[in-house]
Amino acid sequence: MPGLKLEPRQQYLTSINQQPITVEHKPCVPKSRDELIDAGTARATLAVSNESPNGTVDDDYAAKNQHLTVVQQHVTYWDRDNDGVIWPYDTYVGCRDYGWGIILSLIATTFINMGLSYPTVPSILPDPFFRIYVDRLYKAKHGSDSMTYDNQGRFRPQQFEDIFAKYDRGNKGGLDAGDVYIFWKEQRMVFDFFGWTACALEWIATYLLIWPKDGVMKKEDVRGIYDGSIFYKRAAETKRKRAKEARQNETSPAMISEAKKIL
């Protein structure tokens, strides 16, 4: 194909000048040197990327969760007693442990449990306590999103890589608010009002969860949202921070008392 730049062995086009939208948002094209293999094959238990071809290896996270699909791993942080059921109180405590304030935690709990409870309930009738059933979380999948989770809760590496290949303007290694807005606008499916809303709320929550200091959500942090590993990491950081502040608060009165004695 003269005049067109193709990867080695690539005998197809991913964009054409006649359709500028395909040039503006090019998908991820796997390269022979990539450590990630079979990007088009969905992983049942691993959230993988070119940077993390074996999933989350810190603290053996991936190895410890081989009995769960990736979409289940996404929410197990909130299942405080590991009984497969997430009560609103579980969600609230998880948000507080993560470092969120009371008001934000209550708002998040309301949206999460009200939004995810009924699709996962193993009956026709809604759950009066708005509990989320982890085994049936794949039922809560909606349209107008990145399609990184498949309909059975697996993780699709190609779709995940496409998010950043298409919408990371300037190759920052992540997404800022403007990138996410363009992503959301272009992922919308016709008349899918629920999906539009759900996708917007999910990415707002993702931004609040990561809360990047430079305004850019790093690719690996977003991947950590998908497999839930970032929740444990940030909760541990918050716990250490609170313990440090508690020690400082205990030390200050003692130091003041000693100073008064000396004076």
Protein backbone atom coordinates (compact mmCIF):
# COMPACT_ATOMS: atom_id res chain seq x y z
CA MET A 1 0.00 0.00 0.00
CA PRO A 2 2.14 2.88 -1.27
CA GLY A 3 2.29 6.09 0.76
CA LEU A 4 0.82 4.51 3.91
CA LYS A 5 2.78 3.70 7.03
CA LEU A 6 2.08 0.19 8.25
CA GLU A 7 3.52 -1.88 11.06
CA PRO A 8 5.60 -4.91 10.00
CA ARG A 9 3.27 -7.68 8.79
CA GLN A 10 0.30 -5.30 8.96
CA GLN A 11 -1.77 -5.75 5.81
CA TYR A 12 -4.70 -3.59 6.79
CA LEU A 13 -5.56 0.03 7.58
CA THR A 14 -6.81 1.43 10.87
CA SER A 15 -7.48 4.90 9.48
CA ILE A 16 -8.19 6.60 6.18
CA ASN A 17 -7.90 10.27 5.27
CA GLN A 18 -11.37 10.25 3.75
CA GLN A 19 -12.76 9.76 7.27
CA PRO A 20 -10.82 12.17 9.53
CA ILE A 21 -12.39 10.71 12.67
CA THR A 22 -10.45 7.48 12.06
CA VAL A 23 -7.21 9.47 11.77
CA GLU A 24 -7.93 11.52 14.89
CA HIS A 25 -8.62 8.48 17.06
CA LYS A 26 -6.43 5.57 16.01
CA PRO A 27 -6.74 2.24 17.86
CA CYS A 28 -3.88 0.45 19.51
CA VAL A 29 -2.01 -1.72 17.00
CA PRO A 30 -0.08 -4.56 18.69
CA LYS A 31 3.62 -4.61 17.86
CA SER A 32 5.90 -7.60 17.66
CA ARG A 33 8.04 -6.25 20.51
CA ASP A 34 5.09 -5.85 22.89
CA GLU A 35 5.22 -7.99 26.02
CA LEU A 36 1.44 -8.24 25.98
CA ILE A 37 0.37 -11.11 23.75
CA ASP A 38 -3.07 -11.87 22.29
CA ALA A 39 -4.46 -8.44 23.18
CA GLY A 40 -7.72 -9.35 21.47
CA THR A 41 -8.33 -12.28 23.80
CA ALA A 42 -10.36 -11.49 26.93
CA ARG A 43 -8.77 -12.48 30.26
CA ALA A 44 -11.01 -14.04 32.88
CA THR A 45 -8.83 -13.24 35.90
CA LEU A 46 -6.17 -10.73 34.80
CA ALA A 47 -6.39 -7.03 33.99
CA VAL A 48 -3.38 -6.75 31.70
CA SER A 49 -1.76 -4.01 29.64
CA ASN A 50 1.41 -3.47 27.65
CA GLU A 51 2.98 -2.12 30.84
CA SER A 52 1.63 -4.94 33.04
CA PRO A 53 1.32 -8.05 30.87
CA ASN A 54 0.88 -10.25 33.95
CA GLY A 55 -1.68 -8.07 35.68
CA THR A 56 -1.12 -6.60 39.14
CA VAL A 57 1.82 -8.45 40.68
CA ASP A 58 2.29 -6.25 43.77
CA ASP A 59 1.57 -8.27 46.92
CA ASP A 60 0.73 -11.21 44.63
CA TYR A 61 -2.61 -9.56 43.94
CA ALA A 62 -3.26 -11.35 40.65
CA ALA A 63 -2.18 -14.73 42.03
CA LYS A 64 -4.46 -14.38 45.05
CA ASN A 65 -7.50 -13.59 42.91
CA GLN A 66 -7.46 -16.34 40.31
CA HIS A 67 -10.83 -17.56 41.59
CA LEU A 68 -12.52 -14.29 40.62
CA THR A 69 -13.25 -12.67 37.29
CA VAL A 70 -11.82 -9.21 36.78
CA VAL A 71 -15.20 -7.54 37.18
CA GLN A 72 -15.59 -9.35 40.53
CA GLN A 73 -12.13 -8.23 41.58
CA HIS A 74 -13.26 -4.70 40.76
CA VAL A 75 -15.65 -4.72 43.73
CA THR A 76 -14.26 -7.19 46.29
CA TYR A 77 -12.62 -4.35 48.21
CA TRP A 78 -16.13 -3.27 49.21
CA ASP A 79 -17.10 -6.80 50.30
CA ARG A 80 -15.73 -6.33 53.80
CA ASP A 81 -16.54 -9.82 55.13
CA ASN A 82 -15.99 -11.71 51.86
CA ASP A 83 -19.48 -13.19 51.87
CA GLY A 84 -20.19 -12.25 48.26
CA VAL A 85 -22.74 -9.60 49.24
CA ILE A 86 -22.04 -5.86 49.42
CA TRP A 87 -24.37 -4.02 51.75
CA PRO A 88 -24.66 -0.21 51.62
CA TYR A 89 -22.80 -0.10 54.92
CA ASP A 90 -19.93 -2.08 53.34
CA THR A 91 -19.72 0.49 50.57
CA TYR A 92 -19.81 3.38 53.03
CA VAL A 93 -17.05 1.92 55.22
CA GLY A 94 -14.94 1.20 52.13
CA CYS A 95 -15.28 4.81 51.00
CA ARG A 96 -14.34 6.13 54.43
CA ASP A 97 -11.31 3.80 54.64
CA TYR A 98 -10.30 5.00 51.20
CA GLY A 99 -10.08 8.51 52.59
CA TRP A 100 -13.33 10.09 51.48
CA GLY A 101 -15.35 12.32 53.79
CA ILE A 102 -18.76 11.50 55.24
CA ILE A 103 -20.85 13.41 52.68
CA LEU A 104 -19.00 12.10 49.62
CA SER A 105 -19.08 8.56 51.02
CA LEU A 106 -22.85 8.77 51.54
CA ILE A 107 -23.38 10.08 48.00
CA ALA A 108 -21.16 7.35 46.53
CA THR A 109 -22.94 4.65 48.55
CA THR A 110 -26.33 5.84 47.32
CA PHE A 111 -25.34 5.81 43.65
CA ILE A 112 -23.35 2.55 43.79
CA ASN A 113 -25.84 0.38 45.66
CA MET A 114 -28.95 1.82 44.05
CA GLY A 115 -27.40 1.49 40.60
CA LEU A 116 -25.89 -1.98 40.91
CA SER A 117 -28.23 -3.80 43.27
CA TYR A 118 -31.20 -4.75 41.08
CA PRO A 119 -29.23 -6.06 38.06
CA THR A 120 -27.35 -8.45 40.35
CA VAL A 121 -30.28 -9.67 42.45
CA PRO A 122 -30.96 -13.40 41.85
CA SER A 123 -34.72 -12.85 41.60
CA ILE A 124 -37.30 -10.73 39.81
CA LEU A 125 -38.04 -8.63 42.88
CA PRO A 126 -35.60 -5.87 43.88
CA ASP A 127 -33.59 -6.21 47.08
CA PRO A 128 -35.14 -4.00 49.79
CA PHE A 129 -31.70 -3.43 51.32
CA PHE A 130 -30.01 -2.54 48.00
CA ARG A 131 -27.41 -5.27 48.39
CA ILE A 132 -25.03 -6.06 45.51
CA TYR A 133 -24.37 -9.73 44.71
CA VAL A 134 -20.77 -10.14 43.56
CA ASP A 135 -21.32 -13.44 41.71
CA ARG A 136 -23.81 -11.74 39.39
CA LEU A 137 -22.01 -8.44 38.92
CA TYR A 138 -21.56 -9.14 35.20
CA LYS A 139 -25.31 -8.54 34.91
CA ALA A 140 -24.72 -4.84 35.69
CA LYS A 141 -22.84 -4.21 32.45
CA HIS A 142 -24.24 -1.34 30.39
CA GLY A 143 -23.67 0.19 26.98
CA SER A 144 -21.91 3.38 25.90
CA ASP A 145 -18.71 2.54 27.78
CA SER A 146 -15.26 1.36 26.69
CA MET A 147 -16.40 -2.30 26.47
CA THR A 148 -13.27 -3.28 28.42
CA TYR A 149 -15.36 -5.74 30.42
CA ASP A 150 -17.10 -8.30 28.27
CA ASN A 151 -20.61 -9.57 29.01
CA GLN A 152 -19.28 -12.28 31.31
CA GLY A 153 -16.99 -10.00 33.35
CA ARG A 154 -13.70 -10.75 31.59
CA PHE A 155 -11.10 -8.04 30.88
CA ARG A 156 -10.48 -7.17 27.21
CA PRO A 157 -6.92 -5.80 26.80
CA GLN A 158 -7.45 -4.45 23.27
CA GLN A 159 -10.38 -2.28 24.35
CA PHE A 160 -8.43 -1.01 27.35
CA GLU A 161 -5.41 -0.12 25.23
CA ASP A 162 -7.70 1.59 22.71
CA ILE A 163 -8.91 4.05 25.37
CA PHE A 164 -5.44 5.55 25.66
CA ALA A 165 -4.37 5.08 22.04
CA LYS A 166 -7.43 6.99 20.86
CA TYR A 167 -7.98 9.61 23.54
CA ASP A 168 -4.65 10.35 25.25
CA ARG A 169 -3.99 13.60 23.42
CA GLY A 170 -0.29 14.40 23.46
CA ASN A 171 0.77 10.95 24.69
CA LYS A 172 0.77 12.02 28.34
CA GLY A 173 0.58 8.45 29.58
CA GLY A 174 -2.94 9.05 30.84
CA LEU A 175 -6.18 10.97 30.47
CA ASP A 176 -7.14 14.42 31.65
CA ALA A 177 -10.71 15.70 32.07
CA GLY A 178 -10.86 16.90 28.46
CA ASP A 179 -9.75 13.52 27.14
CA VAL A 180 -12.42 11.78 29.21
CA TYR A 181 -15.10 14.14 27.94
CA ILE A 182 -14.20 13.39 24.31
CA PHE A 183 -14.09 9.65 25.10
CA TRP A 184 -17.51 9.81 26.77
CA LYS A 185 -19.04 11.81 23.92
CA GLU A 186 -17.79 9.42 21.25
CA GLN A 187 -18.70 6.23 23.11
CA ARG A 188 -22.35 7.17 23.41
CA MET A 189 -24.73 4.79 21.66
CA VAL A 190 -27.96 6.08 20.14
CA PHE A 191 -30.82 6.50 22.66
CA ASP A 192 -28.79 4.76 25.39
CA PHE A 193 -29.59 7.38 28.03
CA PHE A 194 -28.89 5.05 30.94
CA GLY A 195 -25.53 4.06 29.48
CA TRP A 196 -24.57 7.69 28.85
CA THR A 197 -25.34 8.58 32.44
CA ALA A 198 -23.71 5.49 33.94
CA CYS A 199 -20.53 5.97 31.91
CA ALA A 200 -20.29 9.64 32.94
CA LEU A 201 -20.77 8.81 36.62
CA GLU A 202 -18.21 6.00 36.47
CA TRP A 203 -15.52 8.23 35.00
CA ILE A 204 -16.29 11.02 37.46
CA ALA A 205 -15.91 8.46 40.25
CA THR A 206 -12.69 7.19 38.67
CA TYR A 207 -11.27 10.72 38.63
CA LEU A 208 -12.27 11.26 42.27
CA LEU A 209 -10.79 7.92 43.29
CA ILE A 210 -7.46 8.56 41.58
CA TRP A 211 -7.50 12.35 42.15
CA PRO A 212 -4.33 13.02 40.13
CA LYS A 213 -2.28 15.98 41.36
CA ASP A 214 -1.35 16.98 37.82
CA GLY A 215 -4.85 16.39 36.47
CA VAL A 216 -3.83 13.34 34.44
CA MET A 217 -5.15 9.89 35.36
CA LYS A 218 -2.22 7.57 34.68
CA LYS A 219 -2.90 4.50 32.59
CA GLU A 220 -1.79 2.05 35.27
CA ASP A 221 -3.92 3.75 37.91
CA VAL A 222 -6.96 3.36 35.65
CA ARG A 223 -6.06 -0.30 35.13
CA GLY A 224 -5.92 -0.62 38.93
CA ILE A 225 -9.51 0.63 39.06
CA TYR A 226 -10.58 -2.14 36.68
CA ASP A 227 -9.12 -4.95 38.79
CA GLY A 228 -9.73 -3.21 42.13
CA SER A 229 -6.11 -3.29 43.23
CA ILE A 230 -5.84 0.48 43.59
CA PHE A 231 -8.55 0.49 46.28
CA TYR A 232 -6.45 -1.63 48.63
CA LYS A 233 -3.35 0.41 47.87
CA ARG A 234 -5.00 3.78 48.56
CA ALA A 235 -6.78 2.48 51.66
CA ALA A 236 -3.44 1.32 53.06
CA GLU A 237 -1.93 4.74 52.31
CA THR A 238 -4.83 6.45 54.08
CA LYS A 239 -4.45 4.17 57.09
CA ARG A 240 -0.74 5.01 57.38
CA LYS A 241 -1.48 8.73 56.99
CA ARG A 242 -4.13 8.66 59.72
CA ALA A 243 -1.85 6.70 62.05
CA LYS A 244 0.91 9.25 61.52
CA GLU A 245 -1.46 12.15 62.23
CA ALA A 246 -2.70 10.39 65.37
CA ARG A 247 0.86 9.98 66.65
CA GLN A 248 1.56 13.65 65.95
CA ASN A 249 -1.58 14.68 67.81
CA GLU A 250 -0.55 12.57 70.78
CA THR A 251 2.98 13.97 70.77
CA SER A 252 2.04 17.65 70.59
CA PRO A 253 0.27 17.93 74.01
CA ALA A 254 3.12 16.05 75.67
CA MET A 255 5.69 18.42 74.16
CA ILE A 256 3.68 21.45 75.28
CA SER A 257 3.45 20.04 78.80
CA GLU A 258 7.19 19.48 78.96
CA ALA A 259 7.86 22.98 77.66
CA LYS A 260 5.66 24.48 80.36
CA LYS A 261 7.61 22.60 83.04
CA ILE A 262 10.89 23.93 81.72
CA LEU A 263 9.59 27.49 81.56
